[in-house]
């Protein structure tokens, strides 16, 4: 590898910092000439690794100018994934020519020099969730991949050039407002968008090697064995395992899967894989305690009141339709709801898809008598409504629902000059 041209990175907040440090250590152990960046969401962590090859970069508004606004309408996972292309651009503009993103709950077992070699001729490398159909009726299944995306974005690699700059610009534009976990809207954070890139962009390589991005979603087709001190996947090298949904408190393969319960049931070799990873994770768990226990400032209004999911979605509509940005940490929840009533709508953004049917419904709602709207507003922002909006995400479009509720706060524009 060329040390000055090749780099990898992840994105975390305090709650996942120990995962990021574990990943960084495994990556640097197996890629001794490379660097690893940890893009950190939140105040600068008190613990910074001694290694000069691990760079902790606090994400700020100089790097992402609408960070405060995104942190209001996105919850933390959505926020983290929405800035992924921005991080690619940051590293590309630093001069790195080959850039890999890795989810923090990944562990590296072999050198990624094959990725380095592939990027000599390919522009973008992605891995499919699964390379064979699933018929057992358990989760995840083929339908799960249709909803969440064909490719798992725990890994993506790019060669920084004029063609991939176009891809990154497109991806950044889409994720500014469209990185919600909202299946019924056709979204799943940053991931679902990648289904489109083999058709939109050239030089996209789909990496099907059974040793990359092994996880609960493809274990049905991959056998993990320990041979001569090295882990194998279907007889070949295991390059990295994605421990998505793992917990230090139990022996579940993943909290997201119904296919497997305990990894003890999958044999001694995969049990060793999981136990060794958890031991490494535990080493970093203690030294990141202050980060894990610190409150995520993106979750609260200025008066300390928790920002609900419905608050976030109503702010999304406010930001899209008015063009005004708000730093939630600077106002109270009551001030926010007063502000959205008094700010006129003055723009249409091509970065957000409008449904004209909803627009007509919103106009009708805005013409309701003031007493009716006042009662409806009070009811719509109660905690139980926010919980319903969240729980019905997979069957009811929560973003559309929030647009209807947002309309309760707006005055009719009819007759206005």
Protein backbone atom coordinates (compact mmCIF):
# COMPACT_ATOMS: atom_id res chain seq x y z
CA UNK A 1 0.00 0.00 0.00
CA UNK A 2 1.03 3.60 -0.54
CA UNK A 3 0.91 5.21 2.88
CA UNK A 4 0.23 8.75 1.69
CA UNK A 5 -2.56 7.80 -0.72
CA UNK A 6 -4.58 5.10 1.09
CA UNK A 7 -6.84 5.70 4.09
CA UNK A 8 -9.88 4.25 5.89
CA UNK A 9 -12.40 5.83 8.23
CA UNK A 10 -15.48 5.37 10.37
CA UNK A 11 -18.10 7.68 11.95
CA UNK A 12 -19.25 7.48 15.60
CA UNK A 13 -20.58 9.35 18.59
CA UNK A 14 -19.65 8.74 22.21
CA UNK A 15 -21.88 5.68 22.62
CA UNK A 16 -19.95 3.77 19.93
CA UNK A 17 -16.47 5.16 20.51
CA UNK A 18 -15.15 1.86 21.91
CA UNK A 19 -16.24 0.12 18.72
CA UNK A 20 -14.36 2.64 16.61
CA UNK A 21 -11.14 2.24 18.61
CA UNK A 22 -11.37 -1.56 18.34
CA UNK A 23 -11.85 -1.30 14.59
CA UNK A 24 -8.97 1.15 14.22
CA UNK A 25 -6.59 -1.15 16.13
CA UNK A 26 -7.52 -4.18 14.02
CA UNK A 27 -7.23 -2.19 10.80
CA UNK A 28 -3.83 -0.71 11.60
CA UNK A 29 -2.48 -4.08 12.81
CA UNK A 30 -3.25 -5.57 9.40
CA UNK A 31 -2.51 -2.51 7.25
CA UNK A 32 0.72 -1.14 8.75
CA UNK A 33 1.34 1.52 6.08
CA UNK A 34 -2.14 3.05 6.19
CA UNK A 35 -3.96 5.62 8.33
CA UNK A 36 -7.33 5.46 10.06
CA UNK A 37 -9.68 8.41 10.67
CA UNK A 38 -12.41 8.43 13.31
CA UNK A 39 -14.98 11.13 12.51
CA UNK A 40 -16.53 11.97 15.86
CA UNK A 41 -19.96 13.53 16.40
CA UNK A 42 -20.01 15.48 19.64
CA UNK A 43 -17.61 17.35 21.89
CA UNK A 44 -13.98 16.31 21.51
CA UNK A 45 -13.47 13.02 23.41
CA UNK A 46 -11.28 13.07 26.50
CA UNK A 47 -9.45 9.93 25.37
CA UNK A 48 -7.43 10.13 22.15
CA UNK A 49 -5.32 7.12 21.03
CA UNK A 50 -1.54 7.51 21.28
CA UNK A 51 -1.03 6.14 17.78
CA UNK A 52 -0.18 8.83 15.24
CA UNK A 53 -1.87 6.66 12.65
CA UNK A 54 -5.29 7.03 14.31
CA UNK A 55 -6.69 10.51 13.70
CA UNK A 56 -9.80 11.57 15.64
CA UNK A 57 -11.54 14.37 13.76
CA UNK A 58 -14.46 16.10 15.49
CA UNK A 59 -17.14 16.84 12.89
CA UNK A 60 -17.92 20.56 12.90
CA UNK A 61 -19.78 23.17 10.86
CA UNK A 62 -16.64 24.09 8.95
CA UNK A 63 -16.70 20.56 7.56
CA UNK A 64 -20.52 20.33 7.19
CA UNK A 65 -22.14 23.77 7.15
CA UNK A 66 -25.67 22.52 7.93
CA UNK A 67 -24.56 20.18 10.73
CA UNK A 68 -26.70 21.83 13.46
CA UNK A 69 -29.76 21.68 11.26
CA UNK A 70 -29.25 18.01 10.34
CA UNK A 71 -28.62 17.18 13.97
CA UNK A 72 -32.10 18.56 14.69
CA UNK A 73 -34.14 16.67 12.09
CA UNK A 74 -32.06 13.44 12.06
CA UNK A 75 -31.58 11.10 15.00
CA UNK A 76 -27.97 10.03 15.60
CA UNK A 77 -27.81 6.99 13.27
CA UNK A 78 -29.44 8.94 10.46
CA UNK A 79 -27.11 11.86 11.10
CA UNK A 80 -24.02 9.64 11.10
CA UNK A 81 -24.93 8.00 7.81
CA UNK A 82 -26.00 11.28 6.17
CA UNK A 83 -22.49 12.74 6.50
CA UNK A 84 -20.67 9.73 5.05
CA UNK A 85 -20.13 11.29 1.60
CA UNK A 86 -19.00 14.53 3.26
CA UNK A 87 -16.28 12.54 5.03
CA UNK A 88 -15.21 10.98 1.73
CA UNK A 89 -14.93 14.46 0.26
CA UNK A 90 -12.95 15.73 3.26
CA UNK A 91 -10.37 12.94 2.86
CA UNK A 92 -10.28 13.25 -0.92
CA UNK A 93 -9.54 16.94 -0.63
CA UNK A 94 -6.71 16.14 1.80
CA UNK A 95 -5.07 14.26 -1.07
CA UNK A 96 -5.98 10.63 -0.41
CA UNK A 97 -6.64 8.76 -3.66
CA UNK A 98 -8.11 5.55 -2.25
CA UNK A 99 -10.61 5.77 0.59
CA UNK A 100 -12.48 3.03 2.48
CA UNK A 101 -15.43 3.49 4.82
CA UNK A 102 -15.99 0.83 7.52
CA UNK A 103 -18.78 0.65 10.11
CA UNK A 104 -17.42 0.90 13.67
CA UNK A 105 -18.67 -2.61 14.60
CA UNK A 106 -16.35 -4.26 12.04
CA UNK A 107 -13.14 -6.12 12.89
CA UNK A 108 -10.32 -6.57 10.37
CA UNK A 109 -8.52 -9.94 10.17
CA UNK A 110 -6.38 -9.56 7.03
CA UNK A 111 -4.74 -6.86 4.97
CA UNK A 112 -7.09 -5.00 2.64
CA UNK A 113 -4.45 -4.75 -0.08
CA UNK A 114 -6.85 -6.50 -2.49
CA UNK A 115 -9.15 -3.48 -2.16
CA UNK A 116 -6.14 -1.27 -2.83
CA UNK A 117 -5.40 -3.27 -5.98
CA UNK A 118 -9.02 -3.24 -7.19
CA UNK A 119 -9.12 0.53 -6.85
CA UNK A 120 -6.38 0.82 -9.45
CA UNK A 121 -9.05 0.13 -12.08
CA UNK A 122 -12.40 0.52 -10.29
CA UNK A 123 -14.03 3.72 -9.06
CA UNK A 124 -16.43 2.36 -6.42
CA UNK A 125 -16.48 -0.98 -4.60
CA UNK A 126 -19.56 -2.26 -2.75
CA UNK A 127 -20.60 -5.62 -1.24
CA UNK A 128 -24.05 -7.23 -1.56
CA UNK A 129 -25.86 -8.20 1.60
CA UNK A 130 -26.14 -11.76 0.34
CA UNK A 131 -24.92 -13.67 -2.69
CA UNK A 132 -27.56 -16.38 -2.55
CA UNK A 133 -31.35 -16.47 -1.92
CA UNK A 134 -32.86 -17.21 1.49
CA UNK A 135 -35.85 -19.55 1.75
CA UNK A 136 -36.16 -20.42 5.46
CA UNK A 137 -38.78 -17.81 6.44
CA UNK A 138 -36.52 -16.21 9.05
CA UNK A 139 -35.07 -12.70 9.21
CA UNK A 140 -33.37 -11.13 7.42
CA UNK A 141 -34.65 -12.51 4.13
CA UNK A 142 -34.72 -11.40 0.50
CA UNK A 143 -37.59 -9.01 1.24
CA UNK A 144 -35.50 -7.40 3.98
CA UNK A 145 -32.83 -6.60 1.41
CA UNK A 146 -35.42 -5.14 -0.97
CA UNK A 147 -36.46 -2.77 1.80
CA UNK A 148 -33.09 -1.85 3.29
CA UNK A 149 -30.96 -2.05 0.13
CA UNK A 150 -29.19 -4.69 -1.93
CA UNK A 151 -25.75 -3.57 -0.73
CA UNK A 152 -24.52 -3.20 2.83
CA UNK A 153 -23.00 0.21 3.43
CA UNK A 154 -20.96 -0.95 6.40
CA UNK A 155 -18.30 -1.01 3.70
CA UNK A 156 -17.75 1.12 0.62
CA UNK A 157 -14.49 2.07 -1.08
CA UNK A 158 -13.80 4.70 -3.72
CA UNK A 159 -10.96 5.94 -5.89
CA UNK A 160 -10.95 9.73 -5.67
CA UNK A 161 -11.18 11.13 -9.19
CA UNK A 162 -13.44 13.33 -11.31
CA UNK A 163 -16.00 10.53 -11.78
CA UNK A 164 -16.30 9.69 -8.09
CA UNK A 165 -16.53 13.38 -7.22
CA UNK A 166 -19.74 13.41 -9.27
CA UNK A 167 -20.96 10.38 -7.31
CA UNK A 168 -20.09 11.98 -3.98
CA UNK A 169 -21.82 15.25 -4.94
CA UNK A 170 -24.95 13.33 -5.97
CA UNK A 171 -24.90 11.26 -2.76
CA UNK A 172 -24.36 14.34 -0.58
CA UNK A 173 -27.31 16.07 -2.21
CA UNK A 174 -29.60 13.07 -1.68
CA UNK A 175 -28.59 12.54 1.94
CA UNK A 176 -29.06 16.14 3.01
CA UNK A 177 -32.80 15.51 3.46
CA UNK A 178 -33.28 11.87 2.50
CA UNK A 179 -31.29 9.72 4.93
CA UNK A 180 -34.18 8.78 7.20
CA UNK A 181 -34.87 5.28 8.45
CA UNK A 182 -38.22 5.25 6.65
CA UNK A 183 -38.95 2.12 4.62
CA UNK A 184 -42.36 3.36 3.52
CA UNK A 185 -40.73 6.45 2.00
CA UNK A 186 -38.26 4.24 0.09
CA UNK A 187 -35.38 5.22 2.40
CA UNK A 188 -33.02 3.40 4.68
CA UNK A 189 -30.47 5.97 5.85
CA UNK A 190 -27.64 6.30 3.29
CA UNK A 191 -27.87 2.71 2.16
CA UNK A 192 -30.89 2.39 -0.14
CA UNK A 193 -29.52 5.07 -2.47
CA UNK A 194 -26.61 2.83 -3.40
CA UNK A 195 -28.98 0.48 -5.26
CA UNK A 196 -28.96 3.14 -7.99
CA UNK A 197 -25.24 3.63 -8.49
CA UNK A 198 -24.48 0.66 -10.80
CA UNK A 199 -26.89 2.27 -13.26
CA UNK A 200 -25.90 5.90 -12.65
CA UNK A 201 -22.10 5.68 -12.51
CA UNK A 202 -19.28 3.85 -14.26
CA UNK A 203 -16.59 1.72 -12.66
CA UNK A 204 -18.80 0.25 -9.92
CA UNK A 205 -17.44 -3.11 -8.76
CA UNK A 206 -19.66 -5.51 -6.80
CA UNK A 207 -17.34 -7.51 -4.55
CA UNK A 208 -18.78 -10.99 -3.95
CA UNK A 209 -15.76 -12.60 -2.26
CA UNK A 210 -17.06 -14.57 0.74
CA UNK A 211 -14.34 -13.16 3.00
CA UNK A 212 -15.53 -9.55 2.95
CA UNK A 213 -18.28 -8.05 5.09
CA UNK A 214 -19.35 -11.34 6.63
CA UNK A 215 -22.28 -10.78 9.01
CA UNK A 216 -25.53 -12.22 10.31
CA UNK A 217 -27.27 -11.39 7.02
CA UNK A 218 -25.04 -13.72 4.97
CA UNK A 219 -23.92 -16.35 7.50
CA UNK A 220 -26.42 -18.79 5.96
CA UNK A 221 -24.00 -19.07 3.04
CA UNK A 222 -20.63 -18.68 4.76
CA UNK A 223 -18.87 -21.18 6.99
CA UNK A 224 -16.42 -19.70 9.49
CA UNK A 225 -13.50 -21.94 10.51
CA UNK A 226 -10.29 -21.43 12.46
CA UNK A 227 -7.30 -23.02 10.70
CA UNK A 228 -3.68 -22.65 11.81
CA UNK A 229 -4.54 -19.62 13.87
CA UNK A 230 -6.38 -17.78 11.07
CA UNK A 231 -10.10 -17.46 10.46
CA UNK A 232 -11.48 -18.65 7.13
CA UNK A 233 -14.74 -18.04 5.35
CA UNK A 234 -15.83 -20.85 3.04
CA UNK A 235 -12.21 -22.03 2.95
CA UNK A 236 -10.76 -18.67 1.91
CA UNK A 237 -9.40 -15.78 3.99
CA UNK A 238 -11.75 -13.89 6.30
CA UNK A 239 -10.86 -10.26 5.67
CA UNK A 240 -13.38 -8.64 7.97
CA UNK A 241 -16.44 -9.58 9.99
CA UNK A 242 -19.28 -7.15 10.62
CA UNK A 243 -20.58 -7.67 14.18
CA UNK A 244 -23.78 -5.69 13.61
CA UNK A 245 -26.25 -5.98 16.48
CA UNK A 246 -23.81 -7.60 18.91
CA UNK A 247 -23.94 -6.91 22.64
CA UNK A 248 -21.43 -7.30 25.45
CA UNK A 249 -24.31 -8.42 27.69
CA UNK A 250 -25.39 -11.60 25.89
CA UNK A 251 -24.32 -14.23 23.36
CA UNK A 252 -26.70 -13.27 20.55
CA UNK A 253 -25.30 -13.31 17.02
CA UNK A 254 -27.30 -10.12 16.42
CA UNK A 255 -30.32 -8.45 17.94
CA UNK A 256 -31.59 -7.87 14.41
CA UNK A 257 -31.77 -11.53 13.37
CA UNK A 258 -34.30 -14.28 14.10
CA UNK A 259 -32.25 -16.87 12.20
CA UNK A 260 -29.70 -17.38 14.96
CA UNK A 261 -29.94 -17.19 18.71
CA UNK A 262 -26.66 -17.93 20.48
CA UNK A 263 -23.40 -18.03 18.57
CA UNK A 264 -22.59 -21.02 20.82
CA UNK A 265 -24.96 -22.97 18.59
CA UNK A 266 -22.87 -22.28 15.48
CA UNK A 267 -19.80 -24.23 16.51
CA UNK A 268 -16.56 -23.72 18.39
CA UNK A 269 -14.78 -21.73 15.68
CA UNK A 270 -17.38 -18.99 15.31
CA UNK A 271 -17.77 -18.93 19.10
CA UNK A 272 -14.05 -18.17 19.37
CA UNK A 273 -14.47 -15.44 16.73
CA UNK A 274 -17.19 -13.72 18.74
CA UNK A 275 -15.55 -14.15 22.14
CA UNK A 276 -12.22 -12.78 20.95
CA UNK A 277 -13.89 -9.76 19.41
CA UNK A 278 -15.88 -9.05 22.58
CA UNK A 279 -12.69 -9.31 24.63
CA UNK A 280 -11.04 -6.67 22.41
CA UNK A 281 -14.16 -4.52 22.60
CA UNK A 282 -14.18 -4.78 26.38
CA UNK A 283 -10.60 -3.50 26.54
CA UNK A 284 -11.76 -0.23 24.97
CA UNK A 285 -15.02 -0.12 26.89
CA UNK A 286 -13.49 1.16 30.11
CA UNK A 287 -11.28 3.87 28.62
CA UNK A 288 -14.22 5.38 26.76
CA UNK A 289 -16.55 5.47 29.77
CA UNK A 290 -16.77 9.26 29.94
CA UNK A 291 -17.81 9.42 26.27
CA UNK A 292 -20.45 6.72 26.65
CA UNK A 293 -21.95 8.35 29.73
CA UNK A 294 -22.00 11.88 28.36
CA UNK A 295 -25.35 13.03 27.05
CA UNK A 296 -25.65 13.44 23.32
CA UNK A 297 -26.23 17.18 23.02
CA UNK A 298 -28.06 16.62 19.73
CA UNK A 299 -30.91 14.99 21.66
CA UNK A 300 -32.01 18.01 23.68
CA UNK A 301 -33.44 21.50 23.35
CA UNK A 302 -31.66 24.36 25.08
CA UNK A 303 -33.75 23.92 28.23
CA UNK A 304 -32.84 20.23 28.52
CA UNK A 305 -36.13 18.90 27.18
CA UNK A 306 -35.77 15.78 25.03
CA UNK A 307 -36.29 16.22 21.28
CA UNK A 308 -38.89 13.67 20.15
CA UNK A 309 -38.95 12.04 16.75
CA UNK A 310 -42.02 14.06 15.86
CA UNK A 311 -40.22 17.28 16.84
CA UNK A 312 -37.44 16.29 14.41
CA UNK A 313 -39.83 15.57 11.56
CA UNK A 314 -41.80 18.77 12.05
CA UNK A 315 -38.53 20.67 11.98
CA UNK A 316 -37.62 18.87 8.74
CA UNK A 317 -40.74 20.31 7.13
CA UNK A 318 -40.03 23.75 8.57
CA UNK A 319 -36.47 23.69 7.22
CA UNK A 320 -37.49 22.42 3.78
CA UNK A 321 -40.38 24.81 3.26
CA UNK A 322 -39.08 27.98 4.92
CA UNK A 323 -35.36 27.68 4.22
CA UNK A 324 -34.66 28.68 7.83
CA UNK A 325 -32.20 26.75 10.02
CA UNK A 326 -32.47 26.33 13.78
CA UNK A 327 -29.93 25.20 16.34
CA UNK A 328 -32.12 23.25 18.78
CA UNK A 329 -29.60 23.72 21.59
CA UNK A 330 -30.25 27.47 21.54
CA UNK A 331 -34.05 27.43 22.02
CA UNK A 332 -36.72 25.74 24.11
CA UNK A 333 -39.32 23.36 22.72
CA UNK A 334 -42.07 25.96 23.24
CA UNK A 335 -40.03 28.59 21.43
CA UNK A 336 -39.57 26.20 18.52
CA UNK A 337 -43.30 25.65 18.08
CA UNK A 338 -43.98 29.38 18.32
CA UNK A 339 -41.29 30.04 15.71
CA UNK A 340 -42.63 27.62 13.10
CA UNK A 341 -46.06 29.29 13.30
CA UNK A 342 -44.64 32.72 12.46
CA UNK A 343 -42.11 31.89 9.71
CA UNK A 344 -43.42 32.17 6.13
CA UNK A 345 -42.78 29.44 3.57
CA UNK A 346 -40.59 30.83 0.83
CA UNK A 347 -38.80 28.15 -1.12
CA UNK A 348 -38.96 24.87 -2.99
CA UNK A 349 -35.88 22.63 -2.76
CA UNK A 350 -35.11 20.08 -5.47
CA UNK A 351 -33.23 18.09 -2.82
CA UNK A 352 -36.53 17.11 -1.23
CA UNK A 353 -39.30 15.31 -3.12
CA UNK A 354 -42.70 16.97 -2.93
CA UNK A 355 -45.99 15.12 -3.20
CA UNK A 356 -48.62 17.49 -4.68
CA UNK A 357 -51.40 15.47 -3.04
CA UNK A 358 -49.97 16.29 0.37
CA UNK A 359 -49.65 19.91 -0.65
CA UNK A 360 -53.37 20.08 -1.38
CA UNK A 361 -54.22 18.42 1.95
CA UNK A 362 -51.89 20.84 3.74
CA UNK A 363 -53.63 23.82 2.16
CA UNK A 364 -56.99 22.49 3.33
CA UNK A 365 -55.67 21.99 6.85
CA UNK A 366 -54.19 25.49 6.95
CA UNK A 367 -57.68 26.90 6.28
CA UNK A 368 -59.25 25.20 9.30
CA UNK A 369 -60.74 27.55 11.91
CA UNK A 370 -58.15 28.70 14.43
CA UNK A 371 -59.82 26.99 17.44
CA UNK A 372 -59.90 23.66 15.58
CA UNK A 373 -56.27 23.98 14.57
CA UNK A 374 -55.27 24.88 18.12
CA UNK A 375 -56.92 21.75 19.53
CA UNK A 376 -55.49 19.57 16.76
CA UNK A 377 -51.99 20.98 17.33
CA UNK A 378 -52.15 20.19 21.03
CA UNK A 379 -53.25 16.64 20.32
CA UNK A 380 -50.75 16.05 17.51
CA UNK A 381 -47.66 16.87 19.55
CA UNK A 382 -48.47 14.72 22.57
CA UNK A 383 -45.92 12.02 23.36
CA UNK A 384 -48.23 9.16 22.36
CA UNK A 385 -48.60 10.61 18.85
CA UNK A 386 -44.81 10.76 18.48
CA UNK A 387 -44.56 7.13 19.57
CA UNK A 388 -47.22 6.08 17.07
CA UNK A 389 -45.42 7.91 14.26
CA UNK A 390 -42.22 6.07 15.19
CA UNK A 391 -43.82 2.64 15.60
CA UNK A 392 -45.72 2.78 12.32
CA UNK A 393 -42.64 3.63 10.27
CA UNK A 394 -42.73 0.39 8.29
CA UNK A 395 -46.36 0.65 7.24
CA UNK A 396 -47.23 4.36 7.38
CA UNK A 397 -45.07 7.06 5.87
CA UNK A 398 -43.95 8.97 8.95
CA UNK A 399 -42.51 11.80 6.90
CA UNK A 400 -45.80 12.37 5.10
CA UNK A 401 -47.62 12.15 8.42
CA UNK A 402 -45.34 14.79 9.90
CA UNK A 403 -46.04 17.05 6.91
CA UNK A 404 -49.76 16.91 7.71
CA UNK A 405 -49.09 17.79 11.35
CA UNK A 406 -46.74 20.58 10.27
CA UNK A 407 -49.58 22.03 8.19
CA UNK A 408 -51.56 22.58 11.39
CA UNK A 409 -49.10 25.30 12.31
CA UNK A 410 -49.21 27.20 9.06
CA UNK A 411 -51.55 29.96 7.98
CA UNK A 412 -53.27 29.68 4.62
CA UNK A 413 -51.35 31.39 1.82
CA UNK A 414 -54.51 31.98 -0.22
CA UNK A 415 -55.10 35.64 -0.95
CA UNK A 416 -51.60 36.62 0.16
CA UNK A 417 -49.68 38.79 -2.23
